[in-house]
Amino acid sequence: MDNNFTASETTALTTSVLDTPDNITIPKLEEEIKSHLNQINKNYIEIGNHTVEIGKRLIQAKSLLKHGEWIKWLQDNFQLSYRMASKFMQCAERFSNVPLKTHLNQTQMVELLSLPNAEETERFIEQKAAEGTPVSDMPIKTLRNELKQWKAENEEITLSNSVGDEENDTIDITPRGCW
């Protein structure tokens, strides 16, 4: 892998990373790492909140522009694709009223858009929290797997409900007259 560093730069980077001051301890390193991880999590949550706010404003802008002007306005004013703008808007519509939205990051929100509606999203979030695995704590791969399982289970329930209904239905084979 070409990292574009010279040999002396690579040596400087690796030795500075490996040099350990005498006063550093494992507990101190753990504390510092946890602090940095908390900052990353706060930033992710902030990004999630900004995602919803951007989406709200894009929706407002679209409603104020004449038909056919919105995409041009979007392209002229932002380095934002139509698809990404649509995701922002969907997040605003879906998560503006979700009580736990402040704990979701942008990636989690976009993944949750795969559920059919806001009610289903809220049910999913609430169930996962009740199970002790809040969506906000899930790595994206875990969330994707949980969503797949959720959809499959709900599909099975829907299918079994519709099959049960059909069993009670009677079929009318009385002739309706001539064609």
N, C-alpha and C. Protein backbone atom coordinates (compact mmCIF):
# COMPACT_ATOMS: atom_id res chain seq x y z
N MET A 1 0.85 -1.18 0.00
CA MET A 1 0.00 0.00 0.00
C MET A 1 0.89 1.24 0.00
N ASP A 2 0.65 2.16 -0.92
CA ASP A 2 1.44 3.37 -1.03
C ASP A 2 0.82 4.44 -0.14
N ASN A 3 1.54 4.84 0.93
CA ASN A 3 1.00 5.83 1.84
C ASN A 3 1.56 7.22 1.59
N ASN A 4 2.41 7.36 0.57
CA ASN A 4 2.99 8.64 0.16
C ASN A 4 3.89 9.28 1.22
N PHE A 5 4.41 8.52 2.17
CA PHE A 5 5.35 9.03 3.15
C PHE A 5 6.75 8.59 2.78
N THR A 6 7.72 9.45 3.03
CA THR A 6 9.12 9.06 2.82
C THR A 6 9.53 8.15 3.98
N ALA A 7 10.67 7.50 3.81
CA ALA A 7 11.16 6.59 4.86
C ALA A 7 11.37 7.34 6.17
N SER A 8 11.95 8.54 6.11
CA SER A 8 12.19 9.30 7.35
C SER A 8 10.88 9.75 8.00
N GLU A 9 9.87 10.10 7.17
CA GLU A 9 8.56 10.47 7.72
C GLU A 9 7.88 9.28 8.38
N THR A 10 7.99 8.11 7.75
CA THR A 10 7.40 6.91 8.32
C THR A 10 8.07 6.57 9.65
N THR A 11 9.38 6.68 9.70
CA THR A 11 10.11 6.42 10.94
C THR A 11 9.68 7.42 12.02
N ALA A 12 9.55 8.69 11.66
CA ALA A 12 9.14 9.72 12.63
C ALA A 12 7.73 9.44 13.13
N LEU A 13 6.84 9.05 12.24
CA LEU A 13 5.47 8.75 12.64
C LEU A 13 5.41 7.56 13.58
N THR A 14 6.07 6.48 13.22
CA THR A 14 5.98 5.27 14.04
C THR A 14 6.70 5.42 15.37
N THR A 15 7.84 6.13 15.39
CA THR A 15 8.53 6.28 16.67
C THR A 15 7.78 7.24 17.57
N SER A 16 7.16 8.28 17.02
CA SER A 16 6.42 9.21 17.88
C SER A 16 5.19 8.53 18.45
N VAL A 17 4.58 7.63 17.71
CA VAL A 17 3.42 6.90 18.21
C VAL A 17 3.84 5.90 19.27
N LEU A 18 5.01 5.29 19.09
CA LEU A 18 5.44 4.25 20.01
C LEU A 18 6.15 4.78 21.25
N ASP A 19 6.66 6.00 21.19
CA ASP A 19 7.31 6.57 22.37
C ASP A 19 6.28 6.79 23.46
N THR A 20 6.56 6.28 24.64
CA THR A 20 5.64 6.39 25.76
C THR A 20 6.30 7.16 26.88
N PRO A 21 5.70 8.28 27.29
CA PRO A 21 6.27 9.01 28.43
C PRO A 21 6.25 8.14 29.69
N ASP A 22 7.15 8.43 30.58
CA ASP A 22 7.26 7.65 31.81
C ASP A 22 6.02 7.76 32.69
N ASN A 23 5.31 8.88 32.61
CA ASN A 23 4.18 9.10 33.50
C ASN A 23 2.86 8.53 32.98
N ILE A 24 2.87 7.89 31.84
CA ILE A 24 1.63 7.35 31.27
C ILE A 24 1.39 5.94 31.82
N THR A 25 0.14 5.67 32.14
CA THR A 25 -0.23 4.36 32.68
C THR A 25 -1.40 3.81 31.86
N ILE A 26 -1.64 2.54 31.99
CA ILE A 26 -2.77 1.92 31.29
C ILE A 26 -4.09 2.58 31.71
N PRO A 27 -4.36 2.76 32.99
CA PRO A 27 -5.62 3.42 33.36
C PRO A 27 -5.75 4.83 32.75
N LYS A 28 -4.63 5.57 32.70
CA LYS A 28 -4.64 6.90 32.09
C LYS A 28 -4.97 6.80 30.60
N LEU A 29 -4.36 5.83 29.91
CA LEU A 29 -4.64 5.63 28.49
C LEU A 29 -6.10 5.24 28.27
N GLU A 30 -6.62 4.37 29.13
CA GLU A 30 -8.03 3.97 29.03
C GLU A 30 -8.94 5.18 29.16
N GLU A 31 -8.63 6.03 30.12
CA GLU A 31 -9.43 7.24 30.34
C GLU A 31 -9.40 8.15 29.11
N GLU A 32 -8.21 8.34 28.55
CA GLU A 32 -8.07 9.19 27.37
C GLU A 32 -8.79 8.60 26.16
N ILE A 33 -8.67 7.31 25.98
CA ILE A 33 -9.35 6.65 24.85
C ILE A 33 -10.85 6.78 25.00
N LYS A 34 -11.36 6.53 26.21
CA LYS A 34 -12.81 6.66 26.46
C LYS A 34 -13.27 8.08 26.21
N SER A 35 -12.48 9.04 26.60
CA SER A 35 -12.83 10.45 26.38
C SER A 35 -12.95 10.75 24.89
N HIS A 36 -11.99 10.27 24.11
CA HIS A 36 -12.02 10.48 22.65
C HIS A 36 -13.22 9.76 22.01
N LEU A 37 -13.48 8.54 22.47
CA LEU A 37 -14.64 7.81 21.95
C LEU A 37 -15.95 8.54 22.27
N ASN A 38 -16.05 9.10 23.47
CA ASN A 38 -17.24 9.87 23.83
C ASN A 38 -17.41 11.09 22.92
N GLN A 39 -16.29 11.74 22.61
CA GLN A 39 -16.35 12.89 21.71
C GLN A 39 -16.83 12.48 20.32
N ILE A 40 -16.33 11.35 19.85
CA ILE A 40 -16.78 10.85 18.54
C ILE A 40 -18.28 10.58 18.58
N ASN A 41 -18.75 9.91 19.63
CA ASN A 41 -20.18 9.62 19.75
C ASN A 41 -21.01 10.89 19.80
N LYS A 42 -20.55 11.90 20.54
CA LYS A 42 -21.27 13.18 20.60
C LYS A 42 -21.35 13.80 19.21
N ASN A 43 -20.24 13.74 18.48
CA ASN A 43 -20.23 14.30 17.13
C ASN A 43 -21.19 13.55 16.21
N TYR A 44 -21.24 12.22 16.32
CA TYR A 44 -22.18 11.45 15.52
C TYR A 44 -23.62 11.86 15.82
N ILE A 45 -23.91 12.03 17.10
CA ILE A 45 -25.27 12.44 17.49
C ILE A 45 -25.57 13.83 16.96
N GLU A 46 -24.59 14.74 17.07
CA GLU A 46 -24.78 16.08 16.52
C GLU A 46 -25.05 16.02 15.02
N ILE A 47 -24.32 15.17 14.33
CA ILE A 47 -24.52 15.02 12.89
C ILE A 47 -25.93 14.52 12.62
N GLY A 48 -26.41 13.59 13.44
CA GLY A 48 -27.78 13.12 13.29
C GLY A 48 -28.79 14.24 13.46
N ASN A 49 -28.58 15.07 14.47
CA ASN A 49 -29.49 16.20 14.69
C ASN A 49 -29.42 17.20 13.54
N HIS A 50 -28.21 17.46 13.06
CA HIS A 50 -28.05 18.38 11.92
C HIS A 50 -28.71 17.80 10.66
N THR A 51 -28.64 16.50 10.52
CA THR A 51 -29.28 15.85 9.37
C THR A 51 -30.77 16.16 9.34
N VAL A 52 -31.43 16.03 10.49
CA VAL A 52 -32.87 16.32 10.57
C VAL A 52 -33.12 17.79 10.29
N GLU A 53 -32.31 18.67 10.85
CA GLU A 53 -32.52 20.11 10.66
C GLU A 53 -32.29 20.52 9.20
N ILE A 54 -31.27 19.96 8.56
CA ILE A 54 -31.03 20.24 7.14
C ILE A 54 -32.22 19.75 6.32
N GLY A 55 -32.69 18.55 6.63
CA GLY A 55 -33.84 18.00 5.91
C GLY A 55 -35.07 18.89 6.03
N LYS A 56 -35.33 19.40 7.22
CA LYS A 56 -36.48 20.30 7.43
C LYS A 56 -36.37 21.53 6.53
N ARG A 57 -35.17 22.10 6.47
CA ARG A 57 -34.97 23.31 5.68
C ARG A 57 -35.02 23.03 4.18
N LEU A 58 -34.54 21.86 3.77
CA LEU A 58 -34.66 21.49 2.36
C LEU A 58 -36.13 21.33 1.97
N ILE A 59 -36.92 20.75 2.86
CA ILE A 59 -38.36 20.61 2.61
C ILE A 59 -38.99 22.00 2.47
N GLN A 60 -38.63 22.91 3.37
CA GLN A 60 -39.18 24.27 3.31
C GLN A 60 -38.77 24.95 2.01
N ALA A 61 -37.49 24.83 1.64
CA ALA A 61 -37.00 25.46 0.42
C ALA A 61 -37.74 24.92 -0.80
N LYS A 62 -37.92 23.62 -0.83
CA LYS A 62 -38.61 23.00 -1.97
C LYS A 62 -40.04 23.52 -2.09
N SER A 63 -40.68 23.73 -0.94
CA SER A 63 -42.07 24.22 -0.98
C SER A 63 -42.14 25.68 -1.42
N LEU A 64 -41.07 26.44 -1.24
CA LEU A 64 -41.06 27.85 -1.62
C LEU A 64 -40.67 28.08 -3.08
N LEU A 65 -40.00 27.11 -3.66
CA LEU A 65 -39.55 27.25 -5.05
C LEU A 65 -40.64 26.78 -6.01
N LYS A 66 -40.60 27.33 -7.21
CA LYS A 66 -41.55 26.92 -8.24
C LYS A 66 -41.21 25.52 -8.72
N HIS A 67 -42.21 24.85 -9.28
CA HIS A 67 -42.03 23.50 -9.81
C HIS A 67 -40.87 23.49 -10.81
N GLY A 68 -39.95 22.56 -10.62
CA GLY A 68 -38.82 22.40 -11.53
C GLY A 68 -37.60 23.22 -11.16
N GLU A 69 -37.70 24.11 -10.17
CA GLU A 69 -36.56 24.95 -9.79
C GLU A 69 -35.70 24.34 -8.69
N TRP A 70 -36.26 23.40 -7.95
CA TRP A 70 -35.60 22.92 -6.74
C TRP A 70 -34.27 22.22 -7.03
N ILE A 71 -34.22 21.34 -8.00
CA ILE A 71 -32.98 20.60 -8.28
C ILE A 71 -31.89 21.57 -8.74
N LYS A 72 -32.24 22.52 -9.58
CA LYS A 72 -31.25 23.51 -10.02
C LYS A 72 -30.76 24.33 -8.84
N TRP A 73 -31.67 24.75 -7.99
CA TRP A 73 -31.30 25.51 -6.79
C TRP A 73 -30.35 24.67 -5.93
N LEU A 74 -30.67 23.40 -5.76
CA LEU A 74 -29.85 22.49 -4.97
C LEU A 74 -28.44 22.40 -5.55
N GLN A 75 -28.35 22.22 -6.87
CA GLN A 75 -27.05 22.08 -7.53
C GLN A 75 -26.26 23.39 -7.48
N ASP A 76 -26.95 24.52 -7.61
CA ASP A 76 -26.27 25.82 -7.63
C ASP A 76 -25.74 26.23 -6.25
N ASN A 77 -26.37 25.75 -5.19
CA ASN A 77 -26.05 26.26 -3.86
C ASN A 77 -25.32 25.28 -2.94
N PHE A 78 -25.33 24.01 -3.27
CA PHE A 78 -24.74 23.03 -2.37
C PHE A 78 -24.03 21.94 -3.15
N GLN A 79 -23.02 21.36 -2.55
CA GLN A 79 -22.39 20.18 -3.12
C GLN A 79 -23.12 18.98 -2.54
N LEU A 80 -24.35 18.85 -2.97
CA LEU A 80 -25.25 17.85 -2.42
C LEU A 80 -26.03 17.24 -3.57
N SER A 81 -25.95 15.93 -3.70
CA SER A 81 -26.68 15.27 -4.77
C SER A 81 -28.17 15.27 -4.44
N TYR A 82 -28.96 15.10 -5.47
CA TYR A 82 -30.41 15.00 -5.27
C TYR A 82 -30.72 13.83 -4.34
N ARG A 83 -30.01 12.74 -4.53
CA ARG A 83 -30.25 11.54 -3.71
C ARG A 83 -29.96 11.82 -2.23
N MET A 84 -28.84 12.50 -1.96
CA MET A 84 -28.49 12.79 -0.57
C MET A 84 -29.49 13.79 0.02
N ALA A 85 -29.88 14.78 -0.76
CA ALA A 85 -30.88 15.75 -0.29
C ALA A 85 -32.18 15.02 0.05
N SER A 86 -32.54 14.05 -0.77
CA SER A 86 -33.75 13.27 -0.50
C SER A 86 -33.63 12.50 0.81
N LYS A 87 -32.44 11.96 1.08
CA LYS A 87 -32.21 11.24 2.34
C LYS A 87 -32.35 12.19 3.53
N PHE A 88 -31.79 13.39 3.41
CA PHE A 88 -31.94 14.39 4.47
C PHE A 88 -33.42 14.67 4.72
N MET A 89 -34.17 14.86 3.65
CA MET A 89 -35.59 15.18 3.76
C MET A 89 -36.36 14.01 4.36
N GLN A 90 -36.05 12.79 3.95
CA GLN A 90 -36.71 11.62 4.51
C GLN A 90 -36.40 11.50 6.01
N CYS A 91 -35.16 11.78 6.39
CA CYS A 91 -34.80 11.73 7.81
C CYS A 91 -35.59 12.77 8.60
N ALA A 92 -35.76 13.96 8.04
CA ALA A 92 -36.54 14.99 8.72
C ALA A 92 -37.99 14.54 8.89
N GLU A 93 -38.56 13.98 7.84
CA GLU A 93 -39.95 13.52 7.93
C GLU A 93 -40.10 12.36 8.91
N ARG A 94 -39.15 11.46 8.89
CA ARG A 94 -39.25 10.25 9.71
C ARG A 94 -38.88 10.48 11.16
N PHE A 95 -37.87 11.32 11.43
CA PHE A 95 -37.31 11.40 12.77
C PHE A 95 -37.60 12.69 13.53
N SER A 96 -38.32 13.61 12.93
CA SER A 96 -38.63 14.86 13.64
C SER A 96 -39.41 14.61 14.91
N ASN A 97 -40.27 13.60 14.91
CA ASN A 97 -41.10 13.34 16.08
C ASN A 97 -40.69 12.10 16.86
N VAL A 98 -39.62 11.45 16.44
CA VAL A 98 -39.16 10.27 17.16
C VAL A 98 -38.44 10.73 18.42
N PRO A 99 -38.93 10.34 19.59
CA PRO A 99 -38.33 10.82 20.84
C PRO A 99 -36.84 10.51 20.97
N LEU A 100 -36.38 9.41 20.42
CA LEU A 100 -34.98 9.02 20.58
C LEU A 100 -34.08 9.54 19.47
N LYS A 101 -34.59 10.42 18.63
CA LYS A 101 -33.79 10.89 17.50
C LYS A 101 -32.49 11.53 17.93
N THR A 102 -32.48 12.13 19.11
CA THR A 102 -31.26 12.79 19.57
C THR A 102 -30.15 11.81 19.85
N HIS A 103 -30.48 10.54 19.92
CA HIS A 103 -29.45 9.54 20.19
C HIS A 103 -29.04 8.77 18.94
N LEU A 104 -29.62 9.08 17.82
CA LEU A 104 -29.31 8.38 16.58
C LEU A 104 -28.33 9.19 15.75
N ASN A 105 -27.41 8.51 15.11
CA ASN A 105 -26.53 9.22 14.20
C ASN A 105 -27.10 9.13 12.78
N GLN A 106 -26.49 9.86 11.88
CA GLN A 106 -27.01 9.94 10.51
C GLN A 106 -27.06 8.57 9.85
N THR A 107 -26.04 7.76 10.01
CA THR A 107 -25.99 6.44 9.37
C THR A 107 -27.11 5.55 9.89
N GLN A 108 -27.35 5.60 11.20
CA GLN A 108 -28.44 4.81 11.78
C GLN A 108 -29.79 5.28 11.23
N MET A 109 -29.96 6.60 11.13
CA MET A 109 -31.22 7.13 10.59
C MET A 109 -31.46 6.64 9.17
N VAL A 110 -30.44 6.74 8.35
CA VAL A 110 -30.58 6.32 6.95
C VAL A 110 -30.92 4.83 6.88
N GLU A 111 -30.29 4.01 7.70
CA GLU A 111 -30.62 2.58 7.72
C GLU A 111 -32.06 2.35 8.13
N LEU A 112 -32.53 3.11 9.12
CA LEU A 112 -33.91 2.95 9.61
C LEU A 112 -34.95 3.38 8.57
N LEU A 113 -34.52 4.15 7.57
CA LEU A 113 -35.45 4.53 6.50
C LEU A 113 -35.94 3.32 5.71
N SER A 114 -35.27 2.19 5.86
CA SER A 114 -35.69 0.98 5.15
C SER A 114 -36.99 0.41 5.72
N LEU A 115 -37.37 0.84 6.92
CA LEU A 115 -38.66 0.43 7.47
C LEU A 115 -39.75 1.23 6.76
N PRO A 116 -40.96 0.66 6.66
CA PRO A 116 -41.98 1.27 5.80
C PRO A 116 -42.51 2.64 6.24
N ASN A 117 -42.50 2.95 7.54
CA ASN A 117 -43.07 4.22 7.97
C ASN A 117 -42.56 4.60 9.35
N ALA A 118 -42.96 5.79 9.81
CA ALA A 118 -42.50 6.31 11.11
C ALA A 118 -42.99 5.45 12.26
N GLU A 119 -44.21 4.95 12.17
CA GLU A 119 -44.76 4.13 13.25
C GLU A 119 -43.95 2.85 13.42
N GLU A 120 -43.63 2.22 12.32
CA GLU A 120 -42.83 0.98 12.36
C GLU A 120 -41.43 1.29 12.90
N THR A 121 -40.89 2.42 12.52
CA THR A 121 -39.57 2.83 13.01
C THR A 121 -39.60 3.02 14.52
N GLU A 122 -40.61 3.71 15.01
CA GLU A 122 -40.73 3.92 16.46
C GLU A 122 -40.91 2.60 17.19
N ARG A 123 -41.72 1.69 16.62
CA ARG A 123 -41.91 0.37 17.25
C ARG A 123 -40.59 -0.37 17.33
N PHE A 124 -39.82 -0.34 16.25
CA PHE A 124 -38.53 -1.02 16.21
C PHE A 124 -37.59 -0.43 17.26
N ILE A 125 -37.49 0.90 17.31
CA ILE A 125 -36.60 1.57 18.26
C ILE A 125 -37.01 1.23 19.69
N GLU A 126 -38.30 1.30 19.96
CA GLU A 126 -38.80 1.03 21.32
C GLU A 126 -38.56 -0.43 21.72
N GLN A 127 -38.78 -1.36 20.80
CA GLN A 127 -38.58 -2.77 21.12
C GLN A 127 -37.12 -3.06 21.40
N LYS A 128 -36.24 -2.50 20.59
CA LYS A 128 -34.81 -2.74 20.80
C LYS A 128 -34.36 -2.15 22.13
N ALA A 129 -34.88 -0.99 22.49
CA ALA A 129 -34.54 -0.38 23.78
C ALA A 129 -35.05 -1.26 24.92
N ALA A 130 -36.27 -1.79 24.77
CA ALA A 130 -36.85 -2.66 25.81
C ALA A 130 -36.04 -3.96 25.96
N GLU A 131 -35.45 -4.42 24.86
CA GLU A 131 -34.62 -5.63 24.89
C GLU A 131 -33.24 -5.36 25.47
N GLY A 132 -32.94 -4.09 25.71
CA GLY A 132 -31.63 -3.73 26.26
C GLY A 132 -30.57 -3.50 25.21
N THR A 133 -30.98 -3.41 23.94
CA THR A 133 -30.03 -3.13 22.86
C THR A 133 -30.51 -1.90 22.08
N PRO A 134 -30.33 -0.70 22.64
CA PRO A 134 -30.81 0.50 21.95
C PRO A 134 -30.16 0.65 20.58
N VAL A 135 -30.94 1.12 19.64
CA VAL A 135 -30.45 1.33 18.28
C VAL A 135 -29.24 2.26 18.30
N SER A 136 -29.28 3.26 19.15
CA SER A 136 -28.18 4.24 19.21
C SER A 136 -26.85 3.60 19.59
N ASP A 137 -26.87 2.44 20.23
CA ASP A 137 -25.64 1.75 20.63
C ASP A 137 -25.19 0.70 19.62
N MET A 138 -26.00 0.47 18.59
CA MET A 138 -25.70 -0.61 17.64
C MET A 138 -24.71 -0.17 16.57
N PRO A 139 -23.68 -0.97 16.35
CA PRO A 139 -22.85 -0.74 15.16
C PRO A 139 -23.72 -0.94 13.91
N ILE A 140 -23.36 -0.33 12.83
CA ILE A 140 -24.20 -0.34 11.63
C ILE A 140 -24.45 -1.75 11.12
N LYS A 141 -23.46 -2.62 11.18
CA LYS A 141 -23.64 -4.00 10.72
C LYS A 141 -24.69 -4.73 11.57
N THR A 142 -24.65 -4.52 12.86
CA THR A 142 -25.64 -5.11 13.77
C THR A 142 -27.02 -4.56 13.46
N LEU A 143 -27.11 -3.25 13.26
CA LEU A 143 -28.40 -2.63 12.95
C LEU A 143 -28.98 -3.21 11.66
N ARG A 144 -28.16 -3.36 10.65
CA ARG A 144 -28.64 -3.94 9.38
C ARG A 144 -29.19 -5.34 9.60
N ASN A 145 -28.46 -6.15 10.38
CA ASN A 145 -28.92 -7.51 10.66
C ASN A 145 -30.22 -7.51 11.45
N GLU A 146 -30.31 -6.64 12.44
CA GLU A 146 -31.54 -6.53 13.25
C GLU A 146 -32.72 -6.10 12.38
N LEU A 147 -32.48 -5.17 11.47
CA LEU A 147 -33.55 -4.72 10.57
C LEU A 147 -34.00 -5.85 9.64
N LYS A 148 -33.05 -6.61 9.12
CA LYS A 148 -33.40 -7.76 8.26
C LYS A 148 -34.27 -8.75 9.02
N GLN A 149 -33.85 -9.06 10.23
CA GLN A 149 -34.59 -10.01 11.06
C GLN A 149 -35.98 -9.46 11.38
N TRP A 150 -36.07 -8.20 11.74
CA TRP A 150 -37.34 -7.54 12.06
C TRP A 150 -38.30 -7.62 10.87
N LYS A 151 -37.78 -7.28 9.69
CA LYS A 151 -38.61 -7.31 8.48
C LYS A 151 -39.08 -8.73 8.18
N ALA A 152 -38.18 -9.69 8.31
CA ALA A 152 -38.54 -11.09 8.04
C ALA A 152 -39.61 -11.57 9.01
N GLU A 153 -39.45 -11.25 10.29
CA GLU A 153 -40.44 -11.66 11.29
C GLU A 153 -41.79 -10.99 11.04
N ASN A 154 -41.78 -9.72 10.69
CA ASN A 154 -43.04 -9.01 10.44
C ASN A 154 -43.69 -9.47 9.15
N GLU A 155 -42.87 -9.88 8.18
CA GLU A 155 -43.41 -10.43 6.94
C GLU A 155 -44.10 -11.76 7.22
N GLU A 156 -43.46 -12.59 8.07
CA GLU A 156 -44.06 -13.88 8.44
C GLU A 156 -45.38 -13.67 9.17
N ILE A 157 -45.43 -12.70 10.07
CA ILE A 157 -46.66 -12.41 10.81
C ILE A 157 -47.75 -11.96 9.85
N THR A 158 -47.39 -11.08 8.92
CA THR A 158 -48.36 -10.59 7.94
C THR A 158 -48.87 -11.73 7.08
N LEU A 159 -47.95 -12.59 6.61
CA LEU A 159 -48.35 -13.72 5.78
C LEU A 159 -49.23 -14.69 6.56
N SER A 160 -48.87 -14.99 7.81
CA SER A 160 -49.67 -15.93 8.58
C SER A 160 -51.04 -15.35 8.89
N ASN A 161 -51.12 -14.05 9.11
CA ASN A 161 -52.42 -13.41 9.33
C ASN A 161 -53.29 -13.47 8.08
N SER A 162 -52.69 -13.24 6.91
CA SER A 162 -53.48 -13.27 5.69
C SER A 162 -53.89 -14.69 5.33
N VAL A 163 -53.04 -15.68 5.61
CA VAL A 163 -53.40 -17.08 5.37
C VAL A 163 -54.54 -17.48 6.30
N GLY A 164 -54.47 -17.08 7.54
CA GLY A 164 -55.53 -17.39 8.49
C GLY A 164 -56.85 -16.79 8.07
N ASP A 165 -56.83 -15.59 7.52
CA ASP A 165 -58.05 -14.95 7.05
C ASP A 165 -58.64 -15.69 5.87
N GLU A 166 -57.77 -16.16 4.98
CA GLU A 166 -58.25 -16.86 3.79
C GLU A 166 -58.91 -18.18 4.15
N GLU A 167 -58.44 -18.83 5.20
CA GLU A 167 -59.02 -20.11 5.60
C GLU A 167 -60.48 -19.95 6.01
N ASN A 168 -60.83 -18.81 6.54
CA ASN A 168 -62.20 -18.58 6.99
C ASN A 168 -63.09 -18.04 5.88
N ASP A 169 -62.50 -17.64 4.78
CA ASP A 169 -63.28 -17.10 3.68
C ASP A 169 -63.97 -18.24 2.93
N THR A 170 -65.16 -17.96 2.46
CA THR A 170 -65.84 -18.94 1.60
C THR A 170 -65.80 -18.43 0.18
N ILE A 171 -65.75 -19.35 -0.72
CA ILE A 171 -65.70 -18.97 -2.13
C ILE A 171 -67.09 -19.19 -2.72
N ASP A 172 -67.59 -18.15 -3.33
CA ASP A 172 -68.93 -18.22 -3.95
C ASP A 172 -68.76 -18.70 -5.38
N ILE A 173 -69.28 -19.92 -5.66
CA ILE A 173 -69.15 -20.47 -7.01
C ILE A 173 -70.49 -20.45 -7.74
N THR A 174 -71.42 -19.64 -7.21
CA THR A 174 -72.72 -19.52 -7.86
C THR A 174 -72.54 -18.82 -9.19
N PRO A 175 -73.10 -19.37 -10.27
CA PRO A 175 -72.98 -18.71 -11.58
C PRO A 175 -73.60 -17.31 -11.53
N ARG A 176 -72.98 -16.38 -12.19
CA ARG A 176 -73.43 -14.98 -12.19
C ARG A 176 -74.19 -14.64 -13.47
N GLY A 177 -74.50 -15.58 -14.19
CA GLY A 177 -75.23 -15.28 -15.43
C GLY A 177 -74.37 -15.55 -16.64
N CYS A 178 -74.86 -15.17 -17.77
CA CYS A 178 -74.15 -15.41 -19.02
C CYS A 178 -73.09 -14.36 -19.23
N TRP A 179 -72.11 -14.75 -20.01
CA TRP A 179 -71.01 -13.84 -20.32
C TRP A 179 -71.46 -12.99 -21.42
